[in-house]
C-alpha cells in the first residue's frame, strides 16, 4: 500500500489508517482507491474478520477530499465522474463482506464523513467534530446517495440543520443523535476500545454479521432507488460560486457568494 494508507492485519482484525496527518488526512484519489480495494476483497488482504478504519494522529479522521483535486473541474461531466468515483468507494465499504468500524478522532468532514457513515459502526474520541461544511467552504453539494445515507441515520431536519448552518457536530451531540455508539476520552483510549470492540465482533458468527450488514444496506439503498440528483451536482460544481469557494479556500480567505 502507498504510504498515504497504512494497512495491517493481526488476530483477525484489519486496520486501515488514512495517513496524511500533515494535511488532516485529506483524501487523495489514491487513498480512496486503496480503501476500496481492501473493502472489495478482504480475503486478498490478509482475510480479516473485521476492518477498523481510522486516521493517523489525533487531529482528524479525514478532513474531506484534497481540494487541489477539484481545480481541473470544468464541466458537469467532471463533477459527475468525481461523484461516481466516490460513490463506488462508499459502495465498496457498504458491501464489504466483513464488518467495518470507524474509529474517529478530530475532524471528520466531507469525504471523510461519508466514509465514516458507510462504516457499520462508529466510535469516537471526545475531540470528534462531524459535518459537511460545504455551504461556507466550496459551495458544492452531496450526491443523492449520500443525502439518503445521512437522512436515513439522522433524519431530514437534522441533515438540513447541519448543512445549512455548516456547523460541525460536537462529540456528545454526535453520540446523542446516533452518529457514534460510544465516546472515549482521548485518542489512546479510542484506539484501545476499537481493538477491544473489533475483537468481540471478530469472534462472532461471520454469516450472521454479513447477512445483517447486507440487509441494512438494502434498506437504505431502497429509499434512494430511482432518485436522480445529477442536475443538482451539475448545478453546484459548474457554478462560479464553486470556483470562488475553491479558490478562496486555497487562498485562506472568505468566499464571496453570488448564487450563480
Protein backbone atom coordinates (compact mmCIF):
# COMPACT_ATOMS: atom_id res chain seq x y z
CA UNK A 1 0.00 0.00 0.00
CA UNK A 2 1.08 3.57 -0.65
CA UNK A 3 2.34 5.43 2.43
CA UNK A 4 -0.81 7.56 2.29
CA UNK A 5 -2.64 4.47 3.50
CA UNK A 6 -1.27 2.06 6.09
CA UNK A 7 -2.76 -1.41 6.45
CA UNK A 8 -2.06 -4.29 8.79
CA UNK A 9 -3.84 -7.46 9.90
CA UNK A 10 -3.41 -9.02 13.31
CA UNK A 11 -5.62 -11.52 15.17
CA UNK A 12 -8.31 -11.32 12.51
CA UNK A 13 -8.52 -7.52 12.65
CA UNK A 14 -7.56 -5.44 9.64
CA UNK A 15 -6.65 -1.82 10.40
CA UNK A 16 -6.69 0.83 7.69
CA UNK A 17 -5.03 4.11 8.67
CA UNK A 18 -5.57 7.18 6.50
CA UNK A 19 -2.06 8.55 6.67
CA UNK A 20 -1.69 12.22 5.73
CA UNK A 21 -1.63 13.83 9.17
CA UNK A 22 0.15 16.90 7.79
CA UNK A 23 -3.00 17.55 5.70
CA UNK A 24 -5.50 16.42 8.36
CA UNK A 25 -5.72 13.15 6.41
CA UNK A 26 -7.38 14.89 3.44
CA UNK A 27 -8.16 12.19 0.91
CA UNK A 28 -6.40 11.78 -2.41
CA UNK A 29 -7.80 9.60 -5.16
CA UNK A 30 -5.11 7.04 -4.32
CA UNK A 31 -6.32 6.86 -0.72
CA UNK A 32 -9.92 6.35 -1.83
CA UNK A 33 -8.79 3.61 -4.24
CA UNK A 34 -6.68 1.87 -1.61
CA UNK A 35 -9.51 1.75 0.91
CA UNK A 36 -11.95 0.49 -1.72
CA UNK A 37 -9.57 -2.27 -2.82
CA UNK A 38 -9.30 -3.62 0.73
CA UNK A 39 -13.05 -3.50 1.29
CA UNK A 40 -13.90 -5.15 -2.03
CA UNK A 41 -11.61 -8.12 -1.41
CA UNK A 42 -10.64 -8.50 2.26
CA UNK A 43 -9.81 -12.15 1.62
CA UNK A 44 -6.98 -10.97 -0.64
CA UNK A 45 -5.77 -8.53 2.02
CA UNK A 46 -4.98 -10.81 4.94
CA UNK A 47 -8.54 -12.20 5.25
CA UNK A 48 -9.60 -10.15 8.31
CA UNK A 49 -12.86 -10.87 10.17
CA UNK A 50 -13.41 -7.15 10.80
CA UNK A 51 -11.87 -3.94 9.43
CA UNK A 52 -11.13 -0.85 11.52
CA UNK A 53 -10.77 2.45 9.63
CA UNK A 54 -9.05 5.34 11.37
CA UNK A 55 -6.94 8.43 10.73
CA UNK A 56 -3.31 8.99 11.61
CA UNK A 57 -2.85 11.16 14.69
CA UNK A 58 -5.49 12.77 16.85
CA UNK A 59 -6.31 15.88 14.78
CA UNK A 60 -8.52 14.29 12.12
CA UNK A 61 -10.14 11.11 10.93
CA UNK A 62 -10.22 12.66 7.46
CA UNK A 63 -10.93 16.26 6.51
CA UNK A 64 -12.58 15.54 3.16
CA UNK A 65 -11.19 15.25 -0.34
CA UNK A 66 -7.95 17.11 -1.05
CA UNK A 67 -9.29 20.37 -2.54
CA UNK A 68 -6.47 20.61 -5.08
CA UNK A 69 -8.04 17.70 -6.95
CA UNK A 70 -11.04 19.88 -7.88
CA UNK A 71 -9.05 22.53 -9.72
CA UNK A 72 -9.25 20.73 -13.06
CA UNK A 73 -13.08 20.56 -13.00
CA UNK A 74 -14.57 22.43 -15.96
CA UNK A 75 -17.82 20.66 -16.88
CA UNK A 76 -20.77 18.87 -15.30
CA UNK A 77 -19.28 15.63 -16.59
CA UNK A 78 -16.16 16.23 -14.49
CA UNK A 79 -18.30 16.64 -11.38
CA UNK A 80 -20.45 13.61 -12.15
CA UNK A 81 -17.37 11.46 -12.79
CA UNK A 82 -15.99 12.53 -9.41
CA UNK A 83 -19.24 11.73 -7.60
CA UNK A 84 -19.44 8.37 -9.36
CA UNK A 85 -15.89 7.57 -8.28
CA UNK A 86 -16.59 8.46 -4.66
CA UNK A 87 -19.90 6.58 -4.74
CA UNK A 88 -18.03 3.46 -5.92
CA UNK A 89 -15.72 3.75 -2.91
CA UNK A 90 -18.59 4.25 -0.45
CA UNK A 91 -20.44 1.35 -2.05
CA UNK A 92 -17.35 -0.85 -1.62
CA UNK A 93 -17.31 -0.07 2.12
CA UNK A 94 -21.03 -0.78 2.47
CA UNK A 95 -20.77 -4.04 0.50
CA UNK A 96 -17.60 -5.19 2.26
CA UNK A 97 -18.30 -8.80 3.34
CA UNK A 98 -16.89 -8.20 6.83
CA UNK A 99 -18.00 -5.59 9.40
CA UNK A 100 -16.32 -2.20 9.34
CA UNK A 101 -15.67 0.02 12.35
CA UNK A 102 -14.71 3.70 12.10
CA UNK A 103 -12.52 4.91 15.00
CA UNK A 104 -12.82 8.70 14.87
CA UNK A 105 -10.77 11.45 16.48
CA UNK A 106 -10.75 15.10 15.47
CA UNK A 107 -12.25 16.38 12.22
CA UNK A 108 -14.47 14.03 10.24
CA UNK A 109 -15.78 16.13 7.37
CA UNK A 110 -16.74 15.93 3.70
CA UNK A 111 -15.47 12.74 2.11
CA UNK A 112 -14.16 11.60 5.49
CA UNK A 113 -17.65 11.92 6.94
CA UNK A 114 -19.05 9.94 4.00
CA UNK A 115 -16.57 7.14 4.72
CA UNK A 116 -17.49 7.15 8.40
CA UNK A 117 -21.21 7.00 7.54
CA UNK A 118 -20.59 4.00 5.29
CA UNK A 119 -18.92 2.03 8.08
CA UNK A 120 -21.16 -0.29 10.08
CA UNK A 121 -20.20 1.11 13.49
CA UNK A 122 -18.62 4.36 14.62
CA UNK A 123 -16.93 5.13 17.91
CA UNK A 124 -15.29 8.45 18.65
CA UNK A 125 -12.96 10.38 20.91
CA UNK A 126 -14.31 13.49 22.60
CA UNK A 127 -12.33 15.54 20.07
CA UNK A 128 -14.52 14.32 17.18
CA UNK A 129 -16.18 17.02 15.06
CA UNK A 130 -18.50 15.80 12.28
CA UNK A 131 -20.02 17.69 9.38
CA UNK A 132 -20.33 18.77 5.78
CA UNK A 133 -19.39 22.49 5.96
CA UNK A 134 -19.67 22.93 2.19
CA UNK A 135 -22.14 25.82 2.44
CA UNK A 136 -19.33 28.02 3.82
CA UNK A 137 -16.36 26.46 2.02
CA UNK A 138 -16.80 25.14 -1.53
CA UNK A 139 -20.44 25.74 -2.40
CA UNK A 140 -20.91 22.24 -3.80
CA UNK A 141 -23.42 19.59 -2.70
CA UNK A 142 -23.61 15.93 -1.71
CA UNK A 143 -24.65 13.18 -4.05
CA UNK A 144 -28.22 11.95 -3.79
CA UNK A 145 -26.93 8.65 -2.38
CA UNK A 146 -25.04 10.42 0.39
CA UNK A 147 -28.02 12.62 1.22
CA UNK A 148 -30.05 9.39 1.52
CA UNK A 149 -27.47 7.78 3.82
CA UNK A 150 -27.30 10.84 6.03
CA UNK A 151 -31.09 11.22 6.16
CA UNK A 152 -31.53 7.51 6.99
CA UNK A 153 -29.26 7.91 10.02
CA UNK A 154 -30.20 11.40 11.25
CA UNK A 155 -33.49 12.37 9.60
CA UNK A 156 -34.10 15.15 7.02
CA UNK A 157 -34.50 18.00 9.53
CA UNK A 158 -31.13 17.39 11.16
CA UNK A 159 -29.42 16.97 7.78
CA UNK A 160 -30.71 20.42 6.76
CA UNK A 161 -29.64 21.88 10.10
CA UNK A 162 -26.08 20.55 9.72
CA UNK A 163 -25.70 21.56 6.06
CA UNK A 164 -27.49 24.92 6.25
CA UNK A 165 -25.53 26.10 9.29
CA UNK A 166 -22.28 24.48 8.08
CA UNK A 167 -21.59 23.63 11.71
CA UNK A 168 -19.56 20.71 12.99
CA UNK A 169 -21.38 18.36 15.34
CA UNK A 170 -19.60 18.09 18.69
CA UNK A 171 -18.84 14.62 20.04
CA UNK A 172 -21.52 14.45 22.73
CA UNK A 173 -24.24 15.58 20.34
CA UNK A 174 -22.95 13.02 17.85
CA UNK A 175 -23.39 10.24 20.40
CA UNK A 176 -26.86 11.51 21.32
CA UNK A 177 -28.15 11.64 17.74
CA UNK A 178 -26.76 8.22 16.83
CA UNK A 179 -23.59 9.05 14.90
CA UNK A 180 -21.46 7.23 17.48
CA UNK A 181 -22.24 4.26 19.67
CA UNK A 182 -19.52 5.17 22.18
CA UNK A 183 -17.37 8.15 23.20
CA UNK A 184 -13.86 7.78 24.56
CA UNK A 185 -11.80 10.31 26.47
CA UNK A 186 -8.90 10.64 24.04
CA UNK A 187 -7.14 9.12 21.03
CA UNK A 188 -5.28 6.47 23.04
CA UNK A 189 -8.49 5.29 24.71
CA UNK A 190 -10.24 5.31 21.33
CA UNK A 191 -7.67 3.01 19.77
CA UNK A 192 -7.73 0.62 22.75
CA UNK A 193 -11.51 0.43 22.62
CA UNK A 194 -11.58 -0.03 18.84
CA UNK A 195 -9.30 -3.04 19.30
CA UNK A 196 -11.49 -4.46 22.06
CA UNK A 197 -14.70 -3.99 20.10
CA UNK A 198 -13.17 -5.38 16.90
CA UNK A 199 -12.01 -8.45 18.83
CA UNK A 200 -15.55 -9.08 20.07
CA UNK A 201 -17.00 -8.71 16.56
CA UNK A 202 -14.30 -10.91 15.01
CA UNK A 203 -15.30 -13.73 17.36
CA UNK A 204 -18.94 -13.83 16.26
CA UNK A 205 -20.68 -15.80 13.50
CA UNK A 206 -19.49 -14.22 10.24
CA UNK A 207 -22.55 -15.16 8.17
CA UNK A 208 -24.91 -13.60 10.72
CA UNK A 209 -22.90 -10.39 10.60
CA UNK A 210 -22.67 -10.42 6.81
CA UNK A 211 -26.42 -11.01 6.37
CA UNK A 212 -27.34 -8.26 8.83
CA UNK A 213 -24.93 -5.82 7.21
CA UNK A 214 -26.32 -6.52 3.74
CA UNK A 215 -29.93 -6.30 4.95
CA UNK A 216 -29.31 -2.82 6.38
CA UNK A 217 -27.56 -1.74 3.17
CA UNK A 218 -30.53 -2.86 1.08
CA UNK A 219 -32.99 -0.96 3.27
CA UNK A 220 -31.08 2.31 2.87
CA UNK A 221 -30.48 1.72 -0.85
CA UNK A 222 -34.20 1.13 -1.39
CA UNK A 223 -35.01 4.58 -0.01
CA UNK A 224 -32.80 6.22 -2.66
CA UNK A 225 -33.72 4.00 -5.60
CA UNK A 226 -34.94 5.91 -8.63
CA UNK A 227 -33.83 9.29 -7.30
CA UNK A 228 -31.65 11.27 -9.70
CA UNK A 229 -29.53 14.10 -8.37
CA UNK A 230 -27.25 14.64 -11.37
CA UNK A 231 -28.84 18.01 -12.08
CA UNK A 232 -28.07 19.17 -8.54
CA UNK A 233 -24.44 18.05 -8.77
CA UNK A 234 -24.06 19.80 -12.13
CA UNK A 235 -25.71 22.97 -10.83
CA UNK A 236 -23.26 23.32 -7.95
CA UNK A 237 -19.98 22.03 -9.37
CA UNK A 238 -20.15 24.06 -12.59
CA UNK A 239 -21.10 27.30 -10.86
CA UNK A 240 -18.99 30.40 -10.46
CA UNK A 241 -19.65 30.05 -6.74
CA UNK A 242 -17.91 26.66 -6.66
CA UNK A 243 -14.86 28.10 -8.41
CA UNK A 244 -14.89 31.04 -5.99
CA UNK A 245 -15.25 28.75 -2.98
CA UNK A 246 -12.36 26.56 -4.07
CA UNK A 247 -10.01 29.45 -4.80
CA UNK A 248 -10.99 31.21 -1.56
CA UNK A 249 -10.36 28.03 0.44
CA UNK A 250 -6.92 27.54 -1.07
CA UNK A 251 -6.11 31.23 -0.54
CA UNK A 252 -7.40 31.08 3.05
CA UNK A 253 -9.85 33.97 2.55
CA UNK A 254 -13.65 34.22 2.94
CA UNK A 255 -15.55 33.39 -0.27
CA UNK A 256 -17.89 35.92 -1.89
CA UNK A 257 -21.07 34.06 -2.87
CA UNK A 258 -23.17 35.31 -5.80
CA UNK A 259 -25.65 32.48 -6.26
CA UNK A 260 -24.59 31.66 -9.78
